[in-house]
């Protein structure tokens, strides 16, 4: 049982890390789009 729990925690940690990285990348792309629009205008 402990092995299963540790595996579940590892999988959840990986999913959380991937989600955080995707959110950070999304924020960076949104900021670059906004700055690009401002520069063009």
PDB file of N, CA and C in Angstrom:
ATOM      1  N   UNK A   1       0.847  -1.208   0.000  1.00  0.00           N
ATOM      2  CA  UNK A   1       0.000   0.000   0.000  1.00  0.00           C
ATOM      3  C   UNK A   1       0.883   1.259   0.000  1.00  0.00           C
ATOM      4  N   UNK A   2       1.941   1.250   0.808  1.00  0.00           N
ATOM      5  CA  UNK A   2       2.803   2.441   0.864  1.00  0.00           C
ATOM      6  C   UNK A   2       3.413   2.733  -0.508  1.00  0.00           C
ATOM      7  N   UNK A   3       3.778   1.660  -1.242  1.00  0.00           N
ATOM      8  CA  UNK A   3       4.371   1.864  -2.575  1.00  0.00           C
ATOM      9  C   UNK A   3       3.338   2.519  -3.490  1.00  0.00           C
ATOM     10  N   UNK A   4       2.097   2.057  -3.441  1.00  0.00           N
ATOM     11  CA  UNK A   4       1.055   2.655  -4.291  1.00  0.00           C
ATOM     12  C   UNK A   4       0.861   4.124  -3.934  1.00  0.00           C
ATOM     13  N   UNK A   5       0.837   4.426  -2.643  1.00  0.00           N
ATOM     14  CA  UNK A   5       0.633   5.821  -2.212  1.00  0.00           C
ATOM     15  C   UNK A   5       1.792   6.686  -2.703  1.00  0.00           C
ATOM     16  N   UNK A   6       3.024   6.186  -2.574  1.00  0.00           N
ATOM     17  CA  UNK A   6       4.188   6.972  -3.020  1.00  0.00           C
ATOM     18  C   UNK A   6       4.121   7.190  -4.528  1.00  0.00           C
ATOM     19  N   UNK A   7       3.702   6.178  -5.293  1.00  0.00           N
ATOM     20  CA  UNK A   7       3.578   6.338  -6.753  1.00  0.00           C
ATOM     21  C   UNK A   7       2.514   7.377  -7.079  1.00  0.00           C
ATOM     22  N   UNK A   8       1.379   7.337  -6.367  1.00  0.00           N
ATOM     23  CA  UNK A   8       0.322   8.327  -6.610  1.00  0.00           C
ATOM     24  C   UNK A   8       0.840   9.732  -6.320  1.00  0.00           C
ATOM     25  N   UNK A   9       1.587   9.889  -5.237  1.00  0.00           N
ATOM     26  CA  UNK A   9       2.130  11.216  -4.893  1.00  0.00           C
ATOM     27  C   UNK A   9       3.091  11.674  -5.982  1.00  0.00           C
ATOM     28  N   UNK A  10       3.938  10.765  -6.476  1.00  0.00           N
ATOM     29  CA  UNK A  10       4.887  11.131  -7.539  1.00  0.00           C
ATOM     30  C   UNK A  10       4.138  11.565  -8.789  1.00  0.00           C
ATOM     31  N   UNK A  11       3.118  10.802  -9.189  1.00  0.00           N
ATOM     32  CA  UNK A  11       2.348  11.137 -10.403  1.00  0.00           C
ATOM     33  C   UNK A  11       1.667  12.491 -10.219  1.00  0.00           C
ATOM     34  N   UNK A  12       1.057  12.716  -9.057  1.00  0.00           N
ATOM     35  CA  UNK A  12       0.386  14.001  -8.812  1.00  0.00           C
ATOM     36  C   UNK A  12       1.398  15.145  -8.852  1.00  0.00           C
ATOM     37  N   UNK A  13       2.581  14.941  -8.286  1.00  0.00           N
ATOM     38  CA  UNK A  13       3.609  15.998  -8.290  1.00  0.00           C
ATOM     39  C   UNK A  13       4.024  16.312  -9.723  1.00  0.00           C
ATOM     40  N   UNK A  14       4.188  15.272 -10.557  1.00  0.00           N
ATOM     41  CA  UNK A  14       4.583  15.495 -11.960  1.00  0.00           C
ATOM     42  C   UNK A  14       3.476  16.258 -12.682  1.00  0.00           C
ATOM     43  N   UNK A  15       2.216  15.858 -12.469  1.00  0.00           N
ATOM     44  CA  UNK A  15       1.096  16.545 -13.138  1.00  0.00           C
ATOM     45  C   UNK A  15       1.064  18.008 -12.701  1.00  0.00           C
ATOM     46  N   UNK A  16       1.257  18.259 -11.406  1.00  0.00           N
ATOM     47  CA  UNK A  16       1.245  19.648 -10.913  1.00  0.00           C
ATOM     48  C   UNK A  16       2.386  20.438 -11.544  1.00  0.00           C
ATOM     49  N   UNK A  17       3.572  19.837 -11.638  1.00  0.00           N
ATOM     50  CA  UNK A  17       4.721  20.540 -12.226  1.00  0.00           C
ATOM     51  C   UNK A  17       4.441  20.867 -13.690  1.00  0.00           C
ATOM     52  N   UNK A  18       3.877  19.906 -14.429  1.00  0.00           N
ATOM     53  CA  UNK A  18       3.570  20.151 -15.846  1.00  0.00           C
ATOM     54  C   UNK A  18       2.538  21.272 -15.956  1.00  0.00           C
ATOM     55  N   UNK A  19       1.522  21.251 -15.112  1.00  0.00           N
ATOM     56  CA  UNK A  19       0.497  22.300 -15.152  1.00  0.00           C
ATOM     57  C   UNK A  19       1.091  23.667 -14.851  1.00  0.00           C
ATOM     58  N   UNK A  20       1.969  23.734 -13.858  1.00  0.00           N
ATOM     59  CA  UNK A  20       2.590  25.028 -13.513  1.00  0.00           C
ATOM     60  C   UNK A  20       3.433  25.520 -14.688  1.00  0.00           C
ATOM     61  N   UNK A  21       4.204  24.625 -15.306  1.00  0.00           N
ATOM     62  CA  UNK A  21       5.040  25.034 -16.445  1.00  0.00           C
ATOM     63  C   UNK A  21       4.164  25.532 -17.583  1.00  0.00           C
ATOM     64  N   UNK A  22       3.041  24.847 -17.841  1.00  0.00           N
ATOM     65  CA  UNK A  22       2.139  25.290 -18.916  1.00  0.00           C
ATOM     66  C   UNK A  22       1.565  26.665 -18.589  1.00  0.00           C
ATOM     67  N   UNK A  23       1.193  26.891 -17.337  1.00  0.00           N
ATOM     68  CA  UNK A  23       0.635  28.200 -16.941  1.00  0.00           C
ATOM     69  C   UNK A  23       1.699  29.281 -17.126  1.00  0.00           C
ATOM     70  N   UNK A  24       2.945  28.991 -16.700  1.00  0.00           N
ATOM     71  CA  UNK A  24       4.024  29.991 -16.835  1.00  0.00           C
ATOM     72  C   UNK A  24       4.253  30.289 -18.318  1.00  0.00           C
ATOM     73  N   UNK A  25       4.304  29.249 -19.151  1.00  0.00           N
ATOM     74  CA  UNK A  25       4.512  29.469 -20.586  1.00  0.00           C
ATOM     75  C   UNK A  25       3.353  30.265 -21.169  1.00  0.00           C
ATOM     76  N   UNK A  26       2.126  29.972 -20.754  1.00  0.00           N
ATOM     77  CA  UNK A  26       0.966  30.711 -21.250  1.00  0.00           C
ATOM     78  C   UNK A  26       1.049  32.174 -20.862  1.00  0.00           C
ATOM     79  N   UNK A  27       1.447  32.457 -19.628  1.00  0.00           N
ATOM     80  CA  UNK A  27       1.567  33.856 -19.188  1.00  0.00           C
ATOM     81  C   UNK A  27       2.639  34.557 -20.017  1.00  0.00           C
ATOM     82  N   UNK A  28       3.766  33.882 -20.269  1.00  0.00           N
ATOM     83  CA  UNK A  28       4.845  34.498 -21.051  1.00  0.00           C
ATOM     84  C   UNK A  28       4.359  34.800 -22.463  1.00  0.00           C
ATOM     85  N   UNK A  29       3.650  33.859 -23.088  1.00  0.00           N
ATOM     86  CA  UNK A  29       3.171  34.083 -24.455  1.00  0.00           C
ATOM     87  C   UNK A  29       2.158  35.224 -24.466  1.00  0.00           C
ATOM     88  N   UNK A  30       1.272  35.283 -23.461  1.00  0.00           N
ATOM     89  CA  UNK A  30       0.271  36.363 -23.406  1.00  0.00           C
ATOM     90  C   UNK A  30       0.990  37.703 -23.246  1.00  0.00           C
ATOM     91  N   UNK A  31       1.992  37.765 -22.356  1.00  0.00           N
ATOM     92  CA  UNK A  31       2.734  39.019 -22.155  1.00  0.00           C
ATOM     93  C   UNK A  31       3.439  39.423 -23.443  1.00  0.00           C
ATOM     94  N   UNK A  32       4.052  38.461 -24.137  1.00  0.00           N
ATOM     95  CA  UNK A  32       4.762  38.788 -25.383  1.00  0.00           C
ATOM     96  C   UNK A  32       3.756  39.277 -26.427  1.00  0.00           C
ATOM     97  N   UNK A  33       2.561  38.685 -26.461  1.00  0.00           N
ATOM     98  CA  UNK A  33       1.546  39.137 -27.422  1.00  0.00           C
ATOM     99  C   UNK A  33       1.131  40.572 -27.097  1.00  0.00           C
ATOM    100  N   UNK A  34       0.901  40.867 -25.811  1.00  0.00           N
ATOM    101  CA  UNK A  34       0.487  42.224 -25.433  1.00  0.00           C
ATOM    102  C   UNK A  34       1.594  43.225 -25.757  1.00  0.00           C
ATOM    103  N   UNK A  35       2.829  42.905 -25.404  1.00  0.00           N
ATOM    104  CA  UNK A  35       3.945  43.827 -25.680  1.00  0.00           C
ATOM    105  C   UNK A  35       4.111  43.986 -27.189  1.00  0.00           C
ATOM    106  N   UNK A  36       3.945  42.899 -27.936  1.00  0.00           N
ATOM    107  CA  UNK A  36       4.071  42.993 -29.393  1.00  0.00           C
ATOM    108  C   UNK A  36       2.994  43.906 -29.964  1.00  0.00           C
ATOM    109  N   UNK A  37       1.738  43.777 -29.469  1.00  0.00           N
ATOM    110  CA  UNK A  37       0.654  44.642 -29.957  1.00  0.00           C
ATOM    111  C   UNK A  37       0.965  46.101 -29.634  1.00  0.00           C
ATOM    112  N   UNK A  38       1.459  46.360 -28.418  1.00  0.00           N
ATOM    113  CA  UNK A  38       1.767  47.745 -28.034  1.00  0.00           C
ATOM    114  C   UNK A  38       2.885  48.299 -28.928  1.00  0.00           C
ATOM    115  N   UNK A  39       3.899  47.478 -29.210  1.00  0.00           N
ATOM    116  CA  UNK A  39       5.013  47.944 -30.037  1.00  0.00           C
ATOM    117  C   UNK A  39       4.526  48.239 -31.451  1.00  0.00           C
ATOM    118  N   UNK A  40       3.657  47.373 -31.978  1.00  0.00           N
ATOM    119  CA  UNK A  40       3.152  47.601 -33.342  1.00  0.00           C
ATOM    120  C   UNK A  40       2.339  48.887 -33.406  1.00  0.00           C
ATOM    121  N   UNK A  41       1.521  49.141 -32.362  1.00  0.00           N
ATOM    122  CA  UNK A  41       0.692  50.354 -32.363  1.00  0.00           C
ATOM    123  C   UNK A  41       1.579  51.575 -32.106  1.00  0.00           C
TER     124      UNK A  41
END
